[in-house]
Amino acid sequence: MGMVVVISLPLIIFCLLLGFGCYYLGRYKGRQDVRTNPQVFGDPVPPPGFGSAPPPPPHTKPDTFDNV
């Protein structure tokens, strides 16, 4: 015998309303971000008072017969 899954009509309506609500709220917040200040992905800013570190040494192998 097959298993019967019963989904009530109020649950379906609630899921639809929740989906539309999340869609419109996200669209509103996205448009608000575009107008005010868009998020920019890039290098993080160092904390204040932190001096710049010297660049790391280059990663090269010595060019001798020791590494053969």
PDB file of N, CA and C in Angstrom:
ATOM      1  N   MET A   1       0.828  -1.176   0.000  1.00  0.00           N
ATOM      2  CA  MET A   1       0.000   0.000   0.000  1.00  0.00           C
ATOM      3  C   MET A   1       0.879   1.249   0.000  1.00  0.00           C
ATOM      4  N   GLY A   2       0.414   2.218  -0.704  1.00  0.00           N
ATOM      5  CA  GLY A   2       1.150   3.478  -0.771  1.00  0.00           C
ATOM      6  C   GLY A   2       0.881   4.343   0.443  1.00  0.00           C
ATOM      7  N   MET A   3       1.788   5.192   0.721  1.00  0.00           N
ATOM      8  CA  MET A   3       1.643   6.091   1.873  1.00  0.00           C
ATOM      9  C   MET A   3       1.017   7.399   1.379  1.00  0.00           C
ATOM     10  N   VAL A   4       0.070   7.872   2.081  1.00  0.00           N
ATOM     11  CA  VAL A   4      -0.629   9.086   1.683  1.00  0.00           C
ATOM     12  C   VAL A   4      -0.146  10.223   2.557  1.00  0.00           C
ATOM     13  N   VAL A   5       0.304  11.312   1.907  1.00  0.00           N
ATOM     14  CA  VAL A   5       0.754  12.489   2.646  1.00  0.00           C
ATOM     15  C   VAL A   5      -0.308  13.567   2.470  1.00  0.00           C
ATOM     16  N   VAL A   6      -0.820  14.033   3.575  1.00  0.00           N
ATOM     17  CA  VAL A   6      -1.880  15.023   3.535  1.00  0.00           C
ATOM     18  C   VAL A   6      -1.280  16.365   3.951  1.00  0.00           C
ATOM     19  N   ILE A   7      -1.375  17.336   3.072  1.00  0.00           N
ATOM     20  CA  ILE A   7      -0.909  18.677   3.374  1.00  0.00           C
ATOM     21  C   ILE A   7      -2.129  19.572   3.401  1.00  0.00           C
ATOM     22  N   SER A   8      -2.299  20.265   4.488  1.00  0.00           N
ATOM     23  CA  SER A   8      -3.506  21.067   4.637  1.00  0.00           C
ATOM     24  C   SER A   8      -3.416  22.349   3.818  1.00  0.00           C
ATOM     25  N   LEU A   9      -4.549  22.880   3.466  1.00  0.00           N
ATOM     26  CA  LEU A   9      -4.627  24.098   2.683  1.00  0.00           C
ATOM     27  C   LEU A   9      -4.058  25.298   3.439  1.00  0.00           C
ATOM     28  N   PRO A  10      -4.294  25.443   4.753  1.00  0.00           N
ATOM     29  CA  PRO A  10      -3.670  26.583   5.460  1.00  0.00           C
ATOM     30  C   PRO A  10      -2.137  26.542   5.431  1.00  0.00           C
ATOM     31  N   LEU A  11      -1.547  25.360   5.454  1.00  0.00           N
ATOM     32  CA  LEU A  11      -0.083  25.254   5.392  1.00  0.00           C
ATOM     33  C   LEU A  11       0.429  25.710   4.029  1.00  0.00           C
ATOM     34  N   ILE A  12      -0.275  25.352   2.981  1.00  0.00           N
ATOM     35  CA  ILE A  12       0.124  25.776   1.633  1.00  0.00           C
ATOM     36  C   ILE A  12       0.017  27.293   1.510  1.00  0.00           C
ATOM     37  N   ILE A  13      -1.061  27.863   1.997  1.00  0.00           N
ATOM     38  CA  ILE A  13      -1.243  29.323   1.935  1.00  0.00           C
ATOM     39  C   ILE A  13      -0.182  30.025   2.769  1.00  0.00           C
ATOM     40  N   PHE A  14       0.121  29.480   3.946  1.00  0.00           N
ATOM     41  CA  PHE A  14       1.152  30.078   4.795  1.00  0.00           C
ATOM     42  C   PHE A  14       2.516  30.054   4.112  1.00  0.00           C
ATOM     43  N   CYS A  15       2.864  28.958   3.464  1.00  0.00           N
ATOM     44  CA  CYS A  15       4.155  28.862   2.772  1.00  0.00           C
ATOM     45  C   CYS A  15       4.230  29.848   1.612  1.00  0.00           C
ATOM     46  N   LEU A  16       3.133  30.005   0.887  1.00  0.00           N
ATOM     47  CA  LEU A  16       3.123  30.978  -0.202  1.00  0.00           C
ATOM     48  C   LEU A  16       3.279  32.398   0.323  1.00  0.00           C
ATOM     49  N   LEU A  17       2.555  32.740   1.380  1.00  0.00           N
ATOM     50  CA  LEU A  17       2.672  34.080   1.963  1.00  0.00           C
ATOM     51  C   LEU A  17       4.079  34.324   2.512  1.00  0.00           C
ATOM     52  N   LEU A  18       4.661  33.323   3.132  1.00  0.00           N
ATOM     53  CA  LEU A  18       6.025  33.457   3.656  1.00  0.00           C
ATOM     54  C   LEU A  18       7.028  33.646   2.522  1.00  0.00           C
ATOM     55  N   GLY A  19       6.850  32.916   1.443  1.00  0.00           N
ATOM     56  CA  GLY A  19       7.743  33.058   0.290  1.00  0.00           C
ATOM     57  C   GLY A  19       7.645  34.442  -0.338  1.00  0.00           C
ATOM     58  N   PHE A  20       6.426  34.933  -0.550  1.00  0.00           N
ATOM     59  CA  PHE A  20       6.252  36.279  -1.109  1.00  0.00           C
ATOM     60  C   PHE A  20       6.785  37.342  -0.162  1.00  0.00           C
ATOM     61  N   GLY A  21       6.576  37.159   1.130  1.00  0.00           N
ATOM     62  CA  GLY A  21       7.080  38.129   2.107  1.00  0.00           C
ATOM     63  C   GLY A  21       8.598  38.210   2.098  1.00  0.00           C
ATOM     64  N   CYS A  22       9.264  37.067   2.074  1.00  0.00           N
ATOM     65  CA  CYS A  22      10.733  37.056   2.032  1.00  0.00           C
ATOM     66  C   CYS A  22      11.248  37.650   0.721  1.00  0.00           C
ATOM     67  N   TYR A  23      10.554  37.372  -0.373  1.00  0.00           N
ATOM     68  CA  TYR A  23      10.974  37.906  -1.667  1.00  0.00           C
ATOM     69  C   TYR A  23      10.903  39.427  -1.678  1.00  0.00           C
ATOM     70  N   TYR A  24       9.765  39.966  -1.259  1.00  0.00           N
ATOM     71  CA  TYR A  24       9.595  41.420  -1.307  1.00  0.00           C
ATOM     72  C   TYR A  24      10.464  42.130  -0.270  1.00  0.00           C
ATOM     73  N   LEU A  25      10.645  41.531   0.891  1.00  0.00           N
ATOM     74  CA  LEU A  25      11.520  42.136   1.895  1.00  0.00           C
ATOM     75  C   LEU A  25      12.963  42.150   1.410  1.00  0.00           C
ATOM     76  N   GLY A  26      13.426  41.071   0.800  1.00  0.00           N
ATOM     77  CA  GLY A  26      14.789  41.024   0.269  1.00  0.00           C
ATOM     78  C   GLY A  26      14.981  42.000  -0.878  1.00  0.00           C
ATOM     79  N   ARG A  27      13.975  42.134  -1.715  1.00  0.00           N
ATOM     80  CA  ARG A  27      14.069  43.087  -2.820  1.00  0.00           C
ATOM     81  C   ARG A  27      14.122  44.516  -2.294  1.00  0.00           C
ATOM     82  N   TYR A  28      13.350  44.805  -1.262  1.00  0.00           N
ATOM     83  CA  TYR A  28      13.357  46.145  -0.666  1.00  0.00           C
ATOM     84  C   TYR A  28      14.721  46.443  -0.037  1.00  0.00           C
ATOM     85  N   LYS A  29      15.276  45.476   0.705  1.00  0.00           N
ATOM     86  CA  LYS A  29      16.583  45.691   1.345  1.00  0.00           C
ATOM     87  C   LYS A  29      17.687  45.819   0.300  1.00  0.00           C
ATOM     88  N   GLY A  30      17.617  45.074  -0.775  1.00  0.00           N
ATOM     89  CA  GLY A  30      18.616  45.165  -1.834  1.00  0.00           C
ATOM     90  C   GLY A  30      18.590  46.516  -2.519  1.00  0.00           C
ATOM     91  N   ARG A  31      17.397  47.017  -2.786  1.00  0.00           N
ATOM     92  CA  ARG A  31      17.298  48.340  -3.404  1.00  0.00           C
ATOM     93  C   ARG A  31      17.743  49.428  -2.453  1.00  0.00           C
ATOM     94  N   GLN A  32      17.530  49.234  -1.169  1.00  0.00           N
ATOM     95  CA  GLN A  32      17.973  50.214  -0.173  1.00  0.00           C
ATOM     96  C   GLN A  32      19.505  50.233  -0.101  1.00  0.00           C
ATOM     97  N   ASP A  33      20.138  49.087  -0.205  1.00  0.00           N
ATOM     98  CA  ASP A  33      21.601  49.024  -0.190  1.00  0.00           C
ATOM     99  C   ASP A  33      22.206  49.693  -1.416  1.00  0.00           C
ATOM    100  N   VAL A  34      21.564  49.541  -2.555  1.00  0.00           N
ATOM    101  CA  VAL A  34      22.090  50.157  -3.778  1.00  0.00           C
ATOM    102  C   VAL A  34      22.045  51.679  -3.662  1.00  0.00           C
ATOM    103  N   ARG A  35      20.970  52.190  -3.073  1.00  0.00           N
ATOM    104  CA  ARG A  35      20.845  53.642  -2.945  1.00  0.00           C
ATOM    105  C   ARG A  35      21.838  54.219  -1.936  1.00  0.00           C
ATOM    106  N   THR A  36      22.085  53.527  -0.842  1.00  0.00           N
ATOM    107  CA  THR A  36      22.908  54.087   0.231  1.00  0.00           C
ATOM    108  C   THR A  36      24.390  53.786   0.036  1.00  0.00           C
ATOM    109  N   ASN A  37      24.779  52.545   0.237  1.00  0.00           N
ATOM    110  CA  ASN A  37      26.204  52.224   0.206  1.00  0.00           C
ATOM    111  C   ASN A  37      26.380  50.765  -0.205  1.00  0.00           C
ATOM    112  N   PRO A  38      26.776  50.498  -1.427  1.00  0.00           N
ATOM    113  CA  PRO A  38      26.939  49.106  -1.831  1.00  0.00           C
ATOM    114  C   PRO A  38      28.132  48.470  -1.120  1.00  0.00           C
ATOM    115  N   GLN A  39      28.034  47.181  -0.908  1.00  0.00           N
ATOM    116  CA  GLN A  39      29.108  46.450  -0.257  1.00  0.00           C
ATOM    117  C   GLN A  39      30.217  46.194  -1.263  1.00  0.00           C
ATOM    118  N   VAL A  40      31.445  46.505  -0.872  1.00  0.00           N
ATOM    119  CA  VAL A  40      32.591  46.351  -1.759  1.00  0.00           C
ATOM    120  C   VAL A  40      33.484  45.270  -1.182  1.00  0.00           C
ATOM    121  N   PHE A  41      33.809  44.300  -2.003  1.00  0.00           N
ATOM    122  CA  PHE A  41      34.704  43.235  -1.570  1.00  0.00           C
ATOM    123  C   PHE A  41      36.122  43.597  -1.979  1.00  0.00           C
ATOM    124  N   GLY A  42      37.037  43.525  -1.045  1.00  0.00           N
ATOM    125  CA  GLY A  42      38.424  43.838  -1.342  1.00  0.00           C
ATOM    126  C   GLY A  42      39.301  43.437  -0.177  1.00  0.00           C
ATOM    127  N   ASP A  43      40.509  43.965  -0.172  1.00  0.00           N
ATOM    128  CA  ASP A  43      41.428  43.674   0.911  1.00  0.00           C
ATOM    129  C   ASP A  43      40.918  44.315   2.200  1.00  0.00           C
ATOM    130  N   PRO A  44      41.030  43.609   3.324  1.00  0.00           N
ATOM    131  CA  PRO A  44      40.583  44.204   4.580  1.00  0.00           C
ATOM    132  C   PRO A  44      41.521  45.330   5.014  1.00  0.00           C
ATOM    133  N   VAL A  45      40.973  46.281   5.706  1.00  0.00           N
ATOM    134  CA  VAL A  45      41.743  47.419   6.186  1.00  0.00           C
ATOM    135  C   VAL A  45      42.437  47.004   7.481  1.00  0.00           C
ATOM    136  N   PRO A  46      43.734  47.288   7.642  1.00  0.00           N
ATOM    137  CA  PRO A  46      44.405  46.905   8.885  1.00  0.00           C
ATOM    138  C   PRO A  46      43.877  47.731  10.050  1.00  0.00           C
ATOM    139  N   PRO A  47      43.952  47.206  11.258  1.00  0.00           N
ATOM    140  CA  PRO A  47      43.463  47.953  12.411  1.00  0.00           C
ATOM    141  C   PRO A  47      44.300  49.201  12.651  1.00  0.00           C
ATOM    142  N   PRO A  48      43.715  50.206  13.285  1.00  0.00           N
ATOM    143  CA  PRO A  48      44.471  51.431  13.521  1.00  0.00           C
ATOM    144  C   PRO A  48      45.675  51.183  14.444  1.00  0.00           C
ATOM    145  N   GLY A  49      46.760  51.856  14.163  1.00  0.00           N
ATOM    146  CA  GLY A  49      47.968  51.703  14.971  1.00  0.00           C
ATOM    147  C   GLY A  49      48.849  50.559  14.528  1.00  0.00           C
ATOM    148  N   PHE A  50      48.464  49.856  13.519  1.00  0.00           N
ATOM    149  CA  PHE A  50      49.247  48.720  13.043  1.00  0.00           C
ATOM    150  C   PHE A  50      50.106  49.191  11.885  1.00  0.00           C
ATOM    151  N   GLY A  51      51.428  49.118  12.056  1.00  0.00           N
ATOM    152  CA  GLY A  51      52.335  49.546  10.998  1.00  0.00           C
ATOM    153  C   GLY A  51      52.344  48.556   9.862  1.00  0.00           C
ATOM    154  N   SER A  52      52.773  49.006   8.725  1.00  0.00           N
ATOM    155  CA  SER A  52      52.826  48.101   7.582  1.00  0.00           C
ATOM    156  C   SER A  52      53.986  47.125   7.757  1.00  0.00           C
ATOM    157  N   ALA A  53      53.721  45.876   7.509  1.00  0.00           N
ATOM    158  CA  ALA A  53      54.733  44.837   7.656  1.00  0.00           C
ATOM    159  C   ALA A  53      55.598  44.798   6.394  1.00  0.00           C
ATOM    160  N   PRO A  54      56.862  44.429   6.545  1.00  0.00           N
ATOM    161  CA  PRO A  54      57.705  44.311   5.342  1.00  0.00           C
ATOM    162  C   PRO A  54      57.198  43.153   4.490  1.00  0.00           C
ATOM    163  N   PRO A  55      57.426  43.215   3.205  1.00  0.00           N
ATOM    164  CA  PRO A  55      56.960  42.118   2.344  1.00  0.00           C
ATOM    165  C   PRO A  55      57.709  40.828   2.665  1.00  0.00           C
ATOM    166  N   PRO A  56      57.073  39.689   2.489  1.00  0.00           N
ATOM    167  CA  PRO A  56      57.736  38.425   2.795  1.00  0.00           C
ATOM    168  C   PRO A  56      58.877  38.169   1.807  1.00  0.00           C
ATOM    169  N   PRO A  57      59.871  37.395   2.224  1.00  0.00           N
ATOM    170  CA  PRO A  57      60.989  37.112   1.313  1.00  0.00           C
ATOM    171  C   PRO A  57      60.494  36.274   0.134  1.00  0.00           C
ATOM    172  N   PRO A  58      61.139  36.374  -0.992  1.00  0.00           N
ATOM    173  CA  PRO A  58      60.697  35.588  -2.161  1.00  0.00           C
ATOM    174  C   PRO A  58      60.931  34.098  -1.928  1.00  0.00           C
ATOM    175  N   HIS A  59      60.056  33.305  -2.479  1.00  0.00           N
ATOM    176  CA  HIS A  59      60.147  31.855  -2.327  1.00  0.00           C
ATOM    177  C   HIS A  59      60.881  31.281  -3.531  1.00  0.00           C
ATOM    178  N   THR A  60      62.187  31.179  -3.405  1.00  0.00           N
ATOM    179  CA  THR A  60      62.976  30.598  -4.484  1.00  0.00           C
ATOM    180  C   THR A  60      63.886  29.524  -3.913  1.00  0.00           C
ATOM    181  N   LYS A  61      64.203  28.571  -4.737  1.00  0.00           N
ATOM    182  CA  LYS A  61      65.140  27.521  -4.345  1.00  0.00           C
ATOM    183  C   LYS A  61      66.548  27.968  -4.719  1.00  0.00           C
ATOM    184  N   PRO A  62      67.518  27.551  -3.949  1.00  0.00           N
ATOM    185  CA  PRO A  62      68.890  27.842  -4.364  1.00  0.00           C
ATOM    186  C   PRO A  62      69.227  27.059  -5.634  1.00  0.00           C
ATOM    187  N   ASP A  63      69.970  27.688  -6.496  1.00  0.00           N
ATOM    188  CA  ASP A  63      70.278  27.070  -7.788  1.00  0.00           C
ATOM    189  C   ASP A  63      71.642  26.372  -7.697  1.00  0.00           C
ATOM    190  N   THR A  64      71.674  25.313  -6.876  1.00  0.00           N
ATOM    191  CA  THR A  64      72.926  24.549  -6.714  1.00  0.00           C
ATOM    192  C   THR A  64      72.636  23.069  -6.914  1.00  0.00           C
ATOM    193  N   PHE A  65      73.675  22.274  -6.786  1.00  0.00           N
ATOM    194  CA  PHE A  65      73.514  20.837  -6.920  1.00  0.00           C
ATOM    195  C   PHE A  65      73.083  20.186  -5.611  1.00  0.00           C
ATOM    196  N   ASP A  66      72.884  20.975  -4.543  1.00  0.00           N
ATOM    197  CA  ASP A  66      72.471  20.406  -3.261  1.00  0.00           C
ATOM    198  C   ASP A  66      71.013  19.932  -3.294  1.00  0.00           C
ATOM    199  N   ASN A  67      70.205  20.499  -4.150  1.00  0.00           N
ATOM    200  CA  ASN A  67      68.792  20.129  -4.167  1.00  0.00           C
ATOM    201  C   ASN A  67      68.452  19.071  -5.225  1.00  0.00           C
ATOM    202  N   VAL A  68      69.456  18.355  -5.693  1.00  0.00           N
ATOM    203  CA  VAL A  68      69.212  17.313  -6.701  1.00  0.00           C
ATOM    204  C   VAL A  68      69.028  15.992  -6.012  1.00  0.00           C
TER     205      VAL A  68
END
